[in-house]
Amino acid sequence: HKLEEELLALKSPSAEDIAGVLESH
């Protein structure tokens, strides 16, 4: 749930942005 929230909070996310969130979790 927290992961989803952080992904949804990204503004115009790039693949690198998404990968960064996933790798952090």
PDBML (XML) file of the C-alpha atoms, coordinates in Angstrom:
<?xml version="1.0" encoding="UTF-8" ?>
<PDBx:datablock datablockName="MODEL"
   xmlns:PDBx="http://pdbml.pdb.org/schema/pdbx-v50.xsd"
   xmlns:xsi="http://www.w3.org/2001/XMLSchema-instance"
   xsi:schemaLocation="http://pdbml.pdb.org/schema/pdbx-v50.xsd pdbx-v50.xsd">
   <PDBx:atom_siteCategory>
      <PDBx:atom_site id="1">
         <PDBx:B_iso_or_equiv>0.00</PDBx:B_iso_or_equiv>
         <PDBx:Cartn_x>0.000</PDBx:Cartn_x>
         <PDBx:Cartn_y>0.000</PDBx:Cartn_y>
         <PDBx:Cartn_z>0.000</PDBx:Cartn_z>
         <PDBx:auth_asym_id>A</PDBx:auth_asym_id>
         <PDBx:auth_atom_id>CA</PDBx:auth_atom_id>
         <PDBx:auth_comp_id>HIS</PDBx:auth_comp_id>
         <PDBx:auth_seq_id>1</PDBx:auth_seq_id>
         <PDBx:group_PDB>ATOM</PDBx:group_PDB>
         <PDBx:label_alt_id xsi:nil="true" />
         <PDBx:label_asym_id>A</PDBx:label_asym_id>
         <PDBx:label_atom_id>CA</PDBx:label_atom_id>
         <PDBx:label_comp_id>HIS</PDBx:label_comp_id>
         <PDBx:label_entity_id>1</PDBx:label_entity_id>
         <PDBx:label_seq_id>1</PDBx:label_seq_id>
         <PDBx:occupancy>1.00</PDBx:occupancy>
         <PDBx:pdbx_PDB_model_num>1</PDBx:pdbx_PDB_model_num>
         <PDBx:type_symbol>C</PDBx:type_symbol>
      </PDBx:atom_site>
      <PDBx:atom_site id="2">
         <PDBx:B_iso_or_equiv>0.00</PDBx:B_iso_or_equiv>
         <PDBx:Cartn_x>2.825</PDBx:Cartn_x>
         <PDBx:Cartn_y>2.400</PDBx:Cartn_y>
         <PDBx:Cartn_z>0.873</PDBx:Cartn_z>
         <PDBx:auth_asym_id>A</PDBx:auth_asym_id>
         <PDBx:auth_atom_id>CA</PDBx:auth_atom_id>
         <PDBx:auth_comp_id>LYS</PDBx:auth_comp_id>
         <PDBx:auth_seq_id>2</PDBx:auth_seq_id>
         <PDBx:group_PDB>ATOM</PDBx:group_PDB>
         <PDBx:label_alt_id xsi:nil="true" />
         <PDBx:label_asym_id>A</PDBx:label_asym_id>
         <PDBx:label_atom_id>CA</PDBx:label_atom_id>
         <PDBx:label_comp_id>LYS</PDBx:label_comp_id>
         <PDBx:label_entity_id>1</PDBx:label_entity_id>
         <PDBx:label_seq_id>2</PDBx:label_seq_id>
         <PDBx:occupancy>1.00</PDBx:occupancy>
         <PDBx:pdbx_PDB_model_num>1</PDBx:pdbx_PDB_model_num>
         <PDBx:type_symbol>C</PDBx:type_symbol>
      </PDBx:atom_site>
      <PDBx:atom_site id="3">
         <PDBx:B_iso_or_equiv>0.00</PDBx:B_iso_or_equiv>
         <PDBx:Cartn_x>4.608</PDBx:Cartn_x>
         <PDBx:Cartn_y>1.470</PDBx:Cartn_y>
         <PDBx:Cartn_z>-2.360</PDBx:Cartn_z>
         <PDBx:auth_asym_id>A</PDBx:auth_asym_id>
         <PDBx:auth_atom_id>CA</PDBx:auth_atom_id>
         <PDBx:auth_comp_id>LEU</PDBx:auth_comp_id>
         <PDBx:auth_seq_id>3</PDBx:auth_seq_id>
         <PDBx:group_PDB>ATOM</PDBx:group_PDB>
         <PDBx:label_alt_id xsi:nil="true" />
         <PDBx:label_asym_id>A</PDBx:label_asym_id>
         <PDBx:label_atom_id>CA</PDBx:label_atom_id>
         <PDBx:label_comp_id>LEU</PDBx:label_comp_id>
         <PDBx:label_entity_id>1</PDBx:label_entity_id>
         <PDBx:label_seq_id>3</PDBx:label_seq_id>
         <PDBx:occupancy>1.00</PDBx:occupancy>
         <PDBx:pdbx_PDB_model_num>1</PDBx:pdbx_PDB_model_num>
         <PDBx:type_symbol>C</PDBx:type_symbol>
      </PDBx:atom_site>
      <PDBx:atom_site id="4">
         <PDBx:B_iso_or_equiv>0.00</PDBx:B_iso_or_equiv>
         <PDBx:Cartn_x>1.490</PDBx:Cartn_x>
         <PDBx:Cartn_y>2.245</PDBx:Cartn_y>
         <PDBx:Cartn_z>-4.362</PDBx:Cartn_z>
         <PDBx:auth_asym_id>A</PDBx:auth_asym_id>
         <PDBx:auth_atom_id>CA</PDBx:auth_atom_id>
         <PDBx:auth_comp_id>GLU</PDBx:auth_comp_id>
         <PDBx:auth_seq_id>4</PDBx:auth_seq_id>
         <PDBx:group_PDB>ATOM</PDBx:group_PDB>
         <PDBx:label_alt_id xsi:nil="true" />
         <PDBx:label_asym_id>A</PDBx:label_asym_id>
         <PDBx:label_atom_id>CA</PDBx:label_atom_id>
         <PDBx:label_comp_id>GLU</PDBx:label_comp_id>
         <PDBx:label_entity_id>1</PDBx:label_entity_id>
         <PDBx:label_seq_id>4</PDBx:label_seq_id>
         <PDBx:occupancy>1.00</PDBx:occupancy>
         <PDBx:pdbx_PDB_model_num>1</PDBx:pdbx_PDB_model_num>
         <PDBx:type_symbol>C</PDBx:type_symbol>
      </PDBx:atom_site>
      <PDBx:atom_site id="5">
         <PDBx:B_iso_or_equiv>0.00</PDBx:B_iso_or_equiv>
         <PDBx:Cartn_x>1.116</PDBx:Cartn_x>
         <PDBx:Cartn_y>5.606</PDBx:Cartn_y>
         <PDBx:Cartn_z>-2.636</PDBx:Cartn_z>
         <PDBx:auth_asym_id>A</PDBx:auth_asym_id>
         <PDBx:auth_atom_id>CA</PDBx:auth_atom_id>
         <PDBx:auth_comp_id>GLU</PDBx:auth_comp_id>
         <PDBx:auth_seq_id>5</PDBx:auth_seq_id>
         <PDBx:group_PDB>ATOM</PDBx:group_PDB>
         <PDBx:label_alt_id xsi:nil="true" />
         <PDBx:label_asym_id>A</PDBx:label_asym_id>
         <PDBx:label_atom_id>CA</PDBx:label_atom_id>
         <PDBx:label_comp_id>GLU</PDBx:label_comp_id>
         <PDBx:label_entity_id>1</PDBx:label_entity_id>
         <PDBx:label_seq_id>5</PDBx:label_seq_id>
         <PDBx:occupancy>1.00</PDBx:occupancy>
         <PDBx:pdbx_PDB_model_num>1</PDBx:pdbx_PDB_model_num>
         <PDBx:type_symbol>C</PDBx:type_symbol>
      </PDBx:atom_site>
      <PDBx:atom_site id="6">
         <PDBx:B_iso_or_equiv>0.00</PDBx:B_iso_or_equiv>
         <PDBx:Cartn_x>4.698</PDBx:Cartn_x>
         <PDBx:Cartn_y>6.574</PDBx:Cartn_y>
         <PDBx:Cartn_z>-3.436</PDBx:Cartn_z>
         <PDBx:auth_asym_id>A</PDBx:auth_asym_id>
         <PDBx:auth_atom_id>CA</PDBx:auth_atom_id>
         <PDBx:auth_comp_id>GLU</PDBx:auth_comp_id>
         <PDBx:auth_seq_id>6</PDBx:auth_seq_id>
         <PDBx:group_PDB>ATOM</PDBx:group_PDB>
         <PDBx:label_alt_id xsi:nil="true" />
         <PDBx:label_asym_id>A</PDBx:label_asym_id>
         <PDBx:label_atom_id>CA</PDBx:label_atom_id>
         <PDBx:label_comp_id>GLU</PDBx:label_comp_id>
         <PDBx:label_entity_id>1</PDBx:label_entity_id>
         <PDBx:label_seq_id>6</PDBx:label_seq_id>
         <PDBx:occupancy>1.00</PDBx:occupancy>
         <PDBx:pdbx_PDB_model_num>1</PDBx:pdbx_PDB_model_num>
         <PDBx:type_symbol>C</PDBx:type_symbol>
      </PDBx:atom_site>
      <PDBx:atom_site id="7">
         <PDBx:B_iso_or_equiv>0.00</PDBx:B_iso_or_equiv>
         <PDBx:Cartn_x>4.337</PDBx:Cartn_x>
         <PDBx:Cartn_y>5.520</PDBx:Cartn_y>
         <PDBx:Cartn_z>-7.062</PDBx:Cartn_z>
         <PDBx:auth_asym_id>A</PDBx:auth_asym_id>
         <PDBx:auth_atom_id>CA</PDBx:auth_atom_id>
         <PDBx:auth_comp_id>LEU</PDBx:auth_comp_id>
         <PDBx:auth_seq_id>7</PDBx:auth_seq_id>
         <PDBx:group_PDB>ATOM</PDBx:group_PDB>
         <PDBx:label_alt_id xsi:nil="true" />
         <PDBx:label_asym_id>A</PDBx:label_asym_id>
         <PDBx:label_atom_id>CA</PDBx:label_atom_id>
         <PDBx:label_comp_id>LEU</PDBx:label_comp_id>
         <PDBx:label_entity_id>1</PDBx:label_entity_id>
         <PDBx:label_seq_id>7</PDBx:label_seq_id>
         <PDBx:occupancy>1.00</PDBx:occupancy>
         <PDBx:pdbx_PDB_model_num>1</PDBx:pdbx_PDB_model_num>
         <PDBx:type_symbol>C</PDBx:type_symbol>
      </PDBx:atom_site>
      <PDBx:atom_site id="8">
         <PDBx:B_iso_or_equiv>0.00</PDBx:B_iso_or_equiv>
         <PDBx:Cartn_x>1.108</PDBx:Cartn_x>
         <PDBx:Cartn_y>7.486</PDBx:Cartn_y>
         <PDBx:Cartn_z>-7.439</PDBx:Cartn_z>
         <PDBx:auth_asym_id>A</PDBx:auth_asym_id>
         <PDBx:auth_atom_id>CA</PDBx:auth_atom_id>
         <PDBx:auth_comp_id>LEU</PDBx:auth_comp_id>
         <PDBx:auth_seq_id>8</PDBx:auth_seq_id>
         <PDBx:group_PDB>ATOM</PDBx:group_PDB>
         <PDBx:label_alt_id xsi:nil="true" />
         <PDBx:label_asym_id>A</PDBx:label_asym_id>
         <PDBx:label_atom_id>CA</PDBx:label_atom_id>
         <PDBx:label_comp_id>LEU</PDBx:label_comp_id>
         <PDBx:label_entity_id>1</PDBx:label_entity_id>
         <PDBx:label_seq_id>8</PDBx:label_seq_id>
         <PDBx:occupancy>1.00</PDBx:occupancy>
         <PDBx:pdbx_PDB_model_num>1</PDBx:pdbx_PDB_model_num>
         <PDBx:type_symbol>C</PDBx:type_symbol>
      </PDBx:atom_site>
      <PDBx:atom_site id="9">
         <PDBx:B_iso_or_equiv>0.00</PDBx:B_iso_or_equiv>
         <PDBx:Cartn_x>2.764</PDBx:Cartn_x>
         <PDBx:Cartn_y>10.523</PDBx:Cartn_y>
         <PDBx:Cartn_z>-5.896</PDBx:Cartn_z>
         <PDBx:auth_asym_id>A</PDBx:auth_asym_id>
         <PDBx:auth_atom_id>CA</PDBx:auth_atom_id>
         <PDBx:auth_comp_id>ALA</PDBx:auth_comp_id>
         <PDBx:auth_seq_id>9</PDBx:auth_seq_id>
         <PDBx:group_PDB>ATOM</PDBx:group_PDB>
         <PDBx:label_alt_id xsi:nil="true" />
         <PDBx:label_asym_id>A</PDBx:label_asym_id>
         <PDBx:label_atom_id>CA</PDBx:label_atom_id>
         <PDBx:label_comp_id>ALA</PDBx:label_comp_id>
         <PDBx:label_entity_id>1</PDBx:label_entity_id>
         <PDBx:label_seq_id>9</PDBx:label_seq_id>
         <PDBx:occupancy>1.00</PDBx:occupancy>
         <PDBx:pdbx_PDB_model_num>1</PDBx:pdbx_PDB_model_num>
         <PDBx:type_symbol>C</PDBx:type_symbol>
      </PDBx:atom_site>
      <PDBx:atom_site id="10">
         <PDBx:B_iso_or_equiv>0.00</PDBx:B_iso_or_equiv>
         <PDBx:Cartn_x>5.386</PDBx:Cartn_x>
         <PDBx:Cartn_y>10.668</PDBx:Cartn_y>
         <PDBx:Cartn_z>-8.658</PDBx:Cartn_z>
         <PDBx:auth_asym_id>A</PDBx:auth_asym_id>
         <PDBx:auth_atom_id>CA</PDBx:auth_atom_id>
         <PDBx:auth_comp_id>LEU</PDBx:auth_comp_id>
         <PDBx:auth_seq_id>10</PDBx:auth_seq_id>
         <PDBx:group_PDB>ATOM</PDBx:group_PDB>
         <PDBx:label_alt_id xsi:nil="true" />
         <PDBx:label_asym_id>A</PDBx:label_asym_id>
         <PDBx:label_atom_id>CA</PDBx:label_atom_id>
         <PDBx:label_comp_id>LEU</PDBx:label_comp_id>
         <PDBx:label_entity_id>1</PDBx:label_entity_id>
         <PDBx:label_seq_id>10</PDBx:label_seq_id>
         <PDBx:occupancy>1.00</PDBx:occupancy>
         <PDBx:pdbx_PDB_model_num>1</PDBx:pdbx_PDB_model_num>
         <PDBx:type_symbol>C</PDBx:type_symbol>
      </PDBx:atom_site>
      <PDBx:atom_site id="11">
         <PDBx:B_iso_or_equiv>0.00</PDBx:B_iso_or_equiv>
         <PDBx:Cartn_x>4.825</PDBx:Cartn_x>
         <PDBx:Cartn_y>13.528</PDBx:Cartn_y>
         <PDBx:Cartn_z>-11.077</PDBx:Cartn_z>
         <PDBx:auth_asym_id>A</PDBx:auth_asym_id>
         <PDBx:auth_atom_id>CA</PDBx:auth_atom_id>
         <PDBx:auth_comp_id>LYS</PDBx:auth_comp_id>
         <PDBx:auth_seq_id>11</PDBx:auth_seq_id>
         <PDBx:group_PDB>ATOM</PDBx:group_PDB>
         <PDBx:label_alt_id xsi:nil="true" />
         <PDBx:label_asym_id>A</PDBx:label_asym_id>
         <PDBx:label_atom_id>CA</PDBx:label_atom_id>
         <PDBx:label_comp_id>LYS</PDBx:label_comp_id>
         <PDBx:label_entity_id>1</PDBx:label_entity_id>
         <PDBx:label_seq_id>11</PDBx:label_seq_id>
         <PDBx:occupancy>1.00</PDBx:occupancy>
         <PDBx:pdbx_PDB_model_num>1</PDBx:pdbx_PDB_model_num>
         <PDBx:type_symbol>C</PDBx:type_symbol>
      </PDBx:atom_site>
      <PDBx:atom_site id="12">
         <PDBx:B_iso_or_equiv>0.00</PDBx:B_iso_or_equiv>
         <PDBx:Cartn_x>5.371</PDBx:Cartn_x>
         <PDBx:Cartn_y>12.543</PDBx:Cartn_y>
         <PDBx:Cartn_z>-14.731</PDBx:Cartn_z>
         <PDBx:auth_asym_id>A</PDBx:auth_asym_id>
         <PDBx:auth_atom_id>CA</PDBx:auth_atom_id>
         <PDBx:auth_comp_id>SER</PDBx:auth_comp_id>
         <PDBx:auth_seq_id>12</PDBx:auth_seq_id>
         <PDBx:group_PDB>ATOM</PDBx:group_PDB>
         <PDBx:label_alt_id xsi:nil="true" />
         <PDBx:label_asym_id>A</PDBx:label_asym_id>
         <PDBx:label_atom_id>CA</PDBx:label_atom_id>
         <PDBx:label_comp_id>SER</PDBx:label_comp_id>
         <PDBx:label_entity_id>1</PDBx:label_entity_id>
         <PDBx:label_seq_id>12</PDBx:label_seq_id>
         <PDBx:occupancy>1.00</PDBx:occupancy>
         <PDBx:pdbx_PDB_model_num>1</PDBx:pdbx_PDB_model_num>
         <PDBx:type_symbol>C</PDBx:type_symbol>
      </PDBx:atom_site>
      <PDBx:atom_site id="13">
         <PDBx:B_iso_or_equiv>0.00</PDBx:B_iso_or_equiv>
         <PDBx:Cartn_x>7.578</PDBx:Cartn_x>
         <PDBx:Cartn_y>9.669</PDBx:Cartn_y>
         <PDBx:Cartn_z>-13.606</PDBx:Cartn_z>
         <PDBx:auth_asym_id>A</PDBx:auth_asym_id>
         <PDBx:auth_atom_id>CA</PDBx:auth_atom_id>
         <PDBx:auth_comp_id>PRO</PDBx:auth_comp_id>
         <PDBx:auth_seq_id>13</PDBx:auth_seq_id>
         <PDBx:group_PDB>ATOM</PDBx:group_PDB>
         <PDBx:label_alt_id xsi:nil="true" />
         <PDBx:label_asym_id>A</PDBx:label_asym_id>
         <PDBx:label_atom_id>CA</PDBx:label_atom_id>
         <PDBx:label_comp_id>PRO</PDBx:label_comp_id>
         <PDBx:label_entity_id>1</PDBx:label_entity_id>
         <PDBx:label_seq_id>13</PDBx:label_seq_id>
         <PDBx:occupancy>1.00</PDBx:occupancy>
         <PDBx:pdbx_PDB_model_num>1</PDBx:pdbx_PDB_model_num>
         <PDBx:type_symbol>C</PDBx:type_symbol>
      </PDBx:atom_site>
      <PDBx:atom_site id="14">
         <PDBx:B_iso_or_equiv>0.00</PDBx:B_iso_or_equiv>
         <PDBx:Cartn_x>10.353</PDBx:Cartn_x>
         <PDBx:Cartn_y>8.279</PDBx:Cartn_y>
         <PDBx:Cartn_z>-15.731</PDBx:Cartn_z>
         <PDBx:auth_asym_id>A</PDBx:auth_asym_id>
         <PDBx:auth_atom_id>CA</PDBx:auth_atom_id>
         <PDBx:auth_comp_id>SER</PDBx:auth_comp_id>
         <PDBx:auth_seq_id>14</PDBx:auth_seq_id>
         <PDBx:group_PDB>ATOM</PDBx:group_PDB>
         <PDBx:label_alt_id xsi:nil="true" />
         <PDBx:label_asym_id>A</PDBx:label_asym_id>
         <PDBx:label_atom_id>CA</PDBx:label_atom_id>
         <PDBx:label_comp_id>SER</PDBx:label_comp_id>
         <PDBx:label_entity_id>1</PDBx:label_entity_id>
         <PDBx:label_seq_id>14</PDBx:label_seq_id>
         <PDBx:occupancy>1.00</PDBx:occupancy>
         <PDBx:pdbx_PDB_model_num>1</PDBx:pdbx_PDB_model_num>
         <PDBx:type_symbol>C</PDBx:type_symbol>
      </PDBx:atom_site>
      <PDBx:atom_site id="15">
         <PDBx:B_iso_or_equiv>0.00</PDBx:B_iso_or_equiv>
         <PDBx:Cartn_x>11.376</PDBx:Cartn_x>
         <PDBx:Cartn_y>4.629</PDBx:Cartn_y>
         <PDBx:Cartn_z>-15.729</PDBx:Cartn_z>
         <PDBx:auth_asym_id>A</PDBx:auth_asym_id>
         <PDBx:auth_atom_id>CA</PDBx:auth_atom_id>
         <PDBx:auth_comp_id>ALA</PDBx:auth_comp_id>
         <PDBx:auth_seq_id>15</PDBx:auth_seq_id>
         <PDBx:group_PDB>ATOM</PDBx:group_PDB>
         <PDBx:label_alt_id xsi:nil="true" />
         <PDBx:label_asym_id>A</PDBx:label_asym_id>
         <PDBx:label_atom_id>CA</PDBx:label_atom_id>
         <PDBx:label_comp_id>ALA</PDBx:label_comp_id>
         <PDBx:label_entity_id>1</PDBx:label_entity_id>
         <PDBx:label_seq_id>15</PDBx:label_seq_id>
         <PDBx:occupancy>1.00</PDBx:occupancy>
         <PDBx:pdbx_PDB_model_num>1</PDBx:pdbx_PDB_model_num>
         <PDBx:type_symbol>C</PDBx:type_symbol>
      </PDBx:atom_site>
      <PDBx:atom_site id="16">
         <PDBx:B_iso_or_equiv>0.00</PDBx:B_iso_or_equiv>
         <PDBx:Cartn_x>14.298</PDBx:Cartn_x>
         <PDBx:Cartn_y>5.642</PDBx:Cartn_y>
         <PDBx:Cartn_z>-13.541</PDBx:Cartn_z>
         <PDBx:auth_asym_id>A</PDBx:auth_asym_id>
         <PDBx:auth_atom_id>CA</PDBx:auth_atom_id>
         <PDBx:auth_comp_id>GLU</PDBx:auth_comp_id>
         <PDBx:auth_seq_id>16</PDBx:auth_seq_id>
         <PDBx:group_PDB>ATOM</PDBx:group_PDB>
         <PDBx:label_alt_id xsi:nil="true" />
         <PDBx:label_asym_id>A</PDBx:label_asym_id>
         <PDBx:label_atom_id>CA</PDBx:label_atom_id>
         <PDBx:label_comp_id>GLU</PDBx:label_comp_id>
         <PDBx:label_entity_id>1</PDBx:label_entity_id>
         <PDBx:label_seq_id>16</PDBx:label_seq_id>
         <PDBx:occupancy>1.00</PDBx:occupancy>
         <PDBx:pdbx_PDB_model_num>1</PDBx:pdbx_PDB_model_num>
         <PDBx:type_symbol>C</PDBx:type_symbol>
      </PDBx:atom_site>
      <PDBx:atom_site id="17">
         <PDBx:B_iso_or_equiv>0.00</PDBx:B_iso_or_equiv>
         <PDBx:Cartn_x>11.960</PDBx:Cartn_x>
         <PDBx:Cartn_y>7.302</PDBx:Cartn_y>
         <PDBx:Cartn_z>-11.030</PDBx:Cartn_z>
         <PDBx:auth_asym_id>A</PDBx:auth_asym_id>
         <PDBx:auth_atom_id>CA</PDBx:auth_atom_id>
         <PDBx:auth_comp_id>ASP</PDBx:auth_comp_id>
         <PDBx:auth_seq_id>17</PDBx:auth_seq_id>
         <PDBx:group_PDB>ATOM</PDBx:group_PDB>
         <PDBx:label_alt_id xsi:nil="true" />
         <PDBx:label_asym_id>A</PDBx:label_asym_id>
         <PDBx:label_atom_id>CA</PDBx:label_atom_id>
         <PDBx:label_comp_id>ASP</PDBx:label_comp_id>
         <PDBx:label_entity_id>1</PDBx:label_entity_id>
         <PDBx:label_seq_id>17</PDBx:label_seq_id>
         <PDBx:occupancy>1.00</PDBx:occupancy>
         <PDBx:pdbx_PDB_model_num>1</PDBx:pdbx_PDB_model_num>
         <PDBx:type_symbol>C</PDBx:type_symbol>
      </PDBx:atom_site>
      <PDBx:atom_site id="18">
         <PDBx:B_iso_or_equiv>0.00</PDBx:B_iso_or_equiv>
         <PDBx:Cartn_x>9.814</PDBx:Cartn_x>
         <PDBx:Cartn_y>4.184</PDBx:Cartn_y>
         <PDBx:Cartn_z>-10.762</PDBx:Cartn_z>
         <PDBx:auth_asym_id>A</PDBx:auth_asym_id>
         <PDBx:auth_atom_id>CA</PDBx:auth_atom_id>
         <PDBx:auth_comp_id>ILE</PDBx:auth_comp_id>
         <PDBx:auth_seq_id>18</PDBx:auth_seq_id>
         <PDBx:group_PDB>ATOM</PDBx:group_PDB>
         <PDBx:label_alt_id xsi:nil="true" />
         <PDBx:label_asym_id>A</PDBx:label_asym_id>
         <PDBx:label_atom_id>CA</PDBx:label_atom_id>
         <PDBx:label_comp_id>ILE</PDBx:label_comp_id>
         <PDBx:label_entity_id>1</PDBx:label_entity_id>
         <PDBx:label_seq_id>18</PDBx:label_seq_id>
         <PDBx:occupancy>1.00</PDBx:occupancy>
         <PDBx:pdbx_PDB_model_num>1</PDBx:pdbx_PDB_model_num>
         <PDBx:type_symbol>C</PDBx:type_symbol>
      </PDBx:atom_site>
      <PDBx:atom_site id="19">
         <PDBx:B_iso_or_equiv>0.00</PDBx:B_iso_or_equiv>
         <PDBx:Cartn_x>12.857</PDBx:Cartn_x>
         <PDBx:Cartn_y>1.940</PDBx:Cartn_y>
         <PDBx:Cartn_z>-10.477</PDBx:Cartn_z>
         <PDBx:auth_asym_id>A</PDBx:auth_asym_id>
         <PDBx:auth_atom_id>CA</PDBx:auth_atom_id>
         <PDBx:auth_comp_id>ALA</PDBx:auth_comp_id>
         <PDBx:auth_seq_id>19</PDBx:auth_seq_id>
         <PDBx:group_PDB>ATOM</PDBx:group_PDB>
         <PDBx:label_alt_id xsi:nil="true" />
         <PDBx:label_asym_id>A</PDBx:label_asym_id>
         <PDBx:label_atom_id>CA</PDBx:label_atom_id>
         <PDBx:label_comp_id>ALA</PDBx:label_comp_id>
         <PDBx:label_entity_id>1</PDBx:label_entity_id>
         <PDBx:label_seq_id>19</PDBx:label_seq_id>
         <PDBx:occupancy>1.00</PDBx:occupancy>
         <PDBx:pdbx_PDB_model_num>1</PDBx:pdbx_PDB_model_num>
         <PDBx:type_symbol>C</PDBx:type_symbol>
      </PDBx:atom_site>
      <PDBx:atom_site id="20">
         <PDBx:B_iso_or_equiv>0.00</PDBx:B_iso_or_equiv>
         <PDBx:Cartn_x>14.193</PDBx:Cartn_x>
         <PDBx:Cartn_y>4.140</PDBx:Cartn_y>
         <PDBx:Cartn_z>-7.702</PDBx:Cartn_z>
         <PDBx:auth_asym_id>A</PDBx:auth_asym_id>
         <PDBx:auth_atom_id>CA</PDBx:auth_atom_id>
         <PDBx:auth_comp_id>GLY</PDBx:auth_comp_id>
         <PDBx:auth_seq_id>20</PDBx:auth_seq_id>
         <PDBx:group_PDB>ATOM</PDBx:group_PDB>
         <PDBx:label_alt_id xsi:nil="true" />
         <PDBx:label_asym_id>A</PDBx:label_asym_id>
         <PDBx:label_atom_id>CA</PDBx:label_atom_id>
         <PDBx:label_comp_id>GLY</PDBx:label_comp_id>
         <PDBx:label_entity_id>1</PDBx:label_entity_id>
         <PDBx:label_seq_id>20</PDBx:label_seq_id>
         <PDBx:occupancy>1.00</PDBx:occupancy>
         <PDBx:pdbx_PDB_model_num>1</PDBx:pdbx_PDB_model_num>
         <PDBx:type_symbol>C</PDBx:type_symbol>
      </PDBx:atom_site>
      <PDBx:atom_site id="21">
         <PDBx:B_iso_or_equiv>0.00</PDBx:B_iso_or_equiv>
         <PDBx:Cartn_x>11.027</PDBx:Cartn_x>
         <PDBx:Cartn_y>3.763</PDBx:Cartn_y>
         <PDBx:Cartn_z>-5.620</PDBx:Cartn_z>
         <PDBx:auth_asym_id>A</PDBx:auth_asym_id>
         <PDBx:auth_atom_id>CA</PDBx:auth_atom_id>
         <PDBx:auth_comp_id>VAL</PDBx:auth_comp_id>
         <PDBx:auth_seq_id>21</PDBx:auth_seq_id>
         <PDBx:group_PDB>ATOM</PDBx:group_PDB>
         <PDBx:label_alt_id xsi:nil="true" />
         <PDBx:label_asym_id>A</PDBx:label_asym_id>
         <PDBx:label_atom_id>CA</PDBx:label_atom_id>
         <PDBx:label_comp_id>VAL</PDBx:label_comp_id>
         <PDBx:label_entity_id>1</PDBx:label_entity_id>
         <PDBx:label_seq_id>21</PDBx:label_seq_id>
         <PDBx:occupancy>1.00</PDBx:occupancy>
         <PDBx:pdbx_PDB_model_num>1</PDBx:pdbx_PDB_model_num>
         <PDBx:type_symbol>C</PDBx:type_symbol>
      </PDBx:atom_site>
      <PDBx:atom_site id="22">
         <PDBx:B_iso_or_equiv>0.00</PDBx:B_iso_or_equiv>
         <PDBx:Cartn_x>10.924</PDBx:Cartn_x>
         <PDBx:Cartn_y>0.023</PDBx:Cartn_y>
         <PDBx:Cartn_z>-6.176</PDBx:Cartn_z>
         <PDBx:auth_asym_id>A</PDBx:auth_asym_id>
         <PDBx:auth_atom_id>CA</PDBx:auth_atom_id>
         <PDBx:auth_comp_id>LEU</PDBx:auth_comp_id>
         <PDBx:auth_seq_id>22</PDBx:auth_seq_id>
         <PDBx:group_PDB>ATOM</PDBx:group_PDB>
         <PDBx:label_alt_id xsi:nil="true" />
         <PDBx:label_asym_id>A</PDBx:label_asym_id>
         <PDBx:label_atom_id>CA</PDBx:label_atom_id>
         <PDBx:label_comp_id>LEU</PDBx:label_comp_id>
         <PDBx:label_entity_id>1</PDBx:label_entity_id>
         <PDBx:label_seq_id>22</PDBx:label_seq_id>
         <PDBx:occupancy>1.00</PDBx:occupancy>
         <PDBx:pdbx_PDB_model_num>1</PDBx:pdbx_PDB_model_num>
         <PDBx:type_symbol>C</PDBx:type_symbol>
      </PDBx:atom_site>
      <PDBx:atom_site id="23">
         <PDBx:B_iso_or_equiv>0.00</PDBx:B_iso_or_equiv>
         <PDBx:Cartn_x>14.593</PDBx:Cartn_x>
         <PDBx:Cartn_y>-0.418</PDBx:Cartn_y>
         <PDBx:Cartn_z>-5.317</PDBx:Cartn_z>
         <PDBx:auth_asym_id>A</PDBx:auth_asym_id>
         <PDBx:auth_atom_id>CA</PDBx:auth_atom_id>
         <PDBx:auth_comp_id>GLU</PDBx:auth_comp_id>
         <PDBx:auth_seq_id>23</PDBx:auth_seq_id>
         <PDBx:group_PDB>ATOM</PDBx:group_PDB>
         <PDBx:label_alt_id xsi:nil="true" />
         <PDBx:label_asym_id>A</PDBx:label_asym_id>
         <PDBx:label_atom_id>CA</PDBx:label_atom_id>
         <PDBx:label_comp_id>GLU</PDBx:label_comp_id>
         <PDBx:label_entity_id>1</PDBx:label_entity_id>
         <PDBx:label_seq_id>23</PDBx:label_seq_id>
         <PDBx:occupancy>1.00</PDBx:occupancy>
         <PDBx:pdbx_PDB_model_num>1</PDBx:pdbx_PDB_model_num>
         <PDBx:type_symbol>C</PDBx:type_symbol>
      </PDBx:atom_site>
      <PDBx:atom_site id="24">
         <PDBx:B_iso_or_equiv>0.00</PDBx:B_iso_or_equiv>
         <PDBx:Cartn_x>14.167</PDBx:Cartn_x>
         <PDBx:Cartn_y>1.647</PDBx:Cartn_y>
         <PDBx:Cartn_z>-2.159</PDBx:Cartn_z>
         <PDBx:auth_asym_id>A</PDBx:auth_asym_id>
         <PDBx:auth_atom_id>CA</PDBx:auth_atom_id>
         <PDBx:auth_comp_id>SER</PDBx:auth_comp_id>
         <PDBx:auth_seq_id>24</PDBx:auth_seq_id>
         <PDBx:group_PDB>ATOM</PDBx:group_PDB>
         <PDBx:label_alt_id xsi:nil="true" />
         <PDBx:label_asym_id>A</PDBx:label_asym_id>
         <PDBx:label_atom_id>CA</PDBx:label_atom_id>
         <PDBx:label_comp_id>SER</PDBx:label_comp_id>
         <PDBx:label_entity_id>1</PDBx:label_entity_id>
         <PDBx:label_seq_id>24</PDBx:label_seq_id>
         <PDBx:occupancy>1.00</PDBx:occupancy>
         <PDBx:pdbx_PDB_model_num>1</PDBx:pdbx_PDB_model_num>
         <PDBx:type_symbol>C</PDBx:type_symbol>
      </PDBx:atom_site>
      <PDBx:atom_site id="25">
         <PDBx:B_iso_or_equiv>0.00</PDBx:B_iso_or_equiv>
         <PDBx:Cartn_x>11.372</PDBx:Cartn_x>
         <PDBx:Cartn_y>-0.628</PDBx:Cartn_y>
         <PDBx:Cartn_z>-0.946</PDBx:Cartn_z>
         <PDBx:auth_asym_id>A</PDBx:auth_asym_id>
         <PDBx:auth_atom_id>CA</PDBx:auth_atom_id>
         <PDBx:auth_comp_id>HIS</PDBx:auth_comp_id>
         <PDBx:auth_seq_id>25</PDBx:auth_seq_id>
         <PDBx:group_PDB>ATOM</PDBx:group_PDB>
         <PDBx:label_alt_id xsi:nil="true" />
         <PDBx:label_asym_id>A</PDBx:label_asym_id>
         <PDBx:label_atom_id>CA</PDBx:label_atom_id>
         <PDBx:label_comp_id>HIS</PDBx:label_comp_id>
         <PDBx:label_entity_id>1</PDBx:label_entity_id>
         <PDBx:label_seq_id>25</PDBx:label_seq_id>
         <PDBx:occupancy>1.00</PDBx:occupancy>
         <PDBx:pdbx_PDB_model_num>1</PDBx:pdbx_PDB_model_num>
         <PDBx:type_symbol>C</PDBx:type_symbol>
      </PDBx:atom_site>
   </PDBx:atom_siteCategory>
</PDBx:datablock>
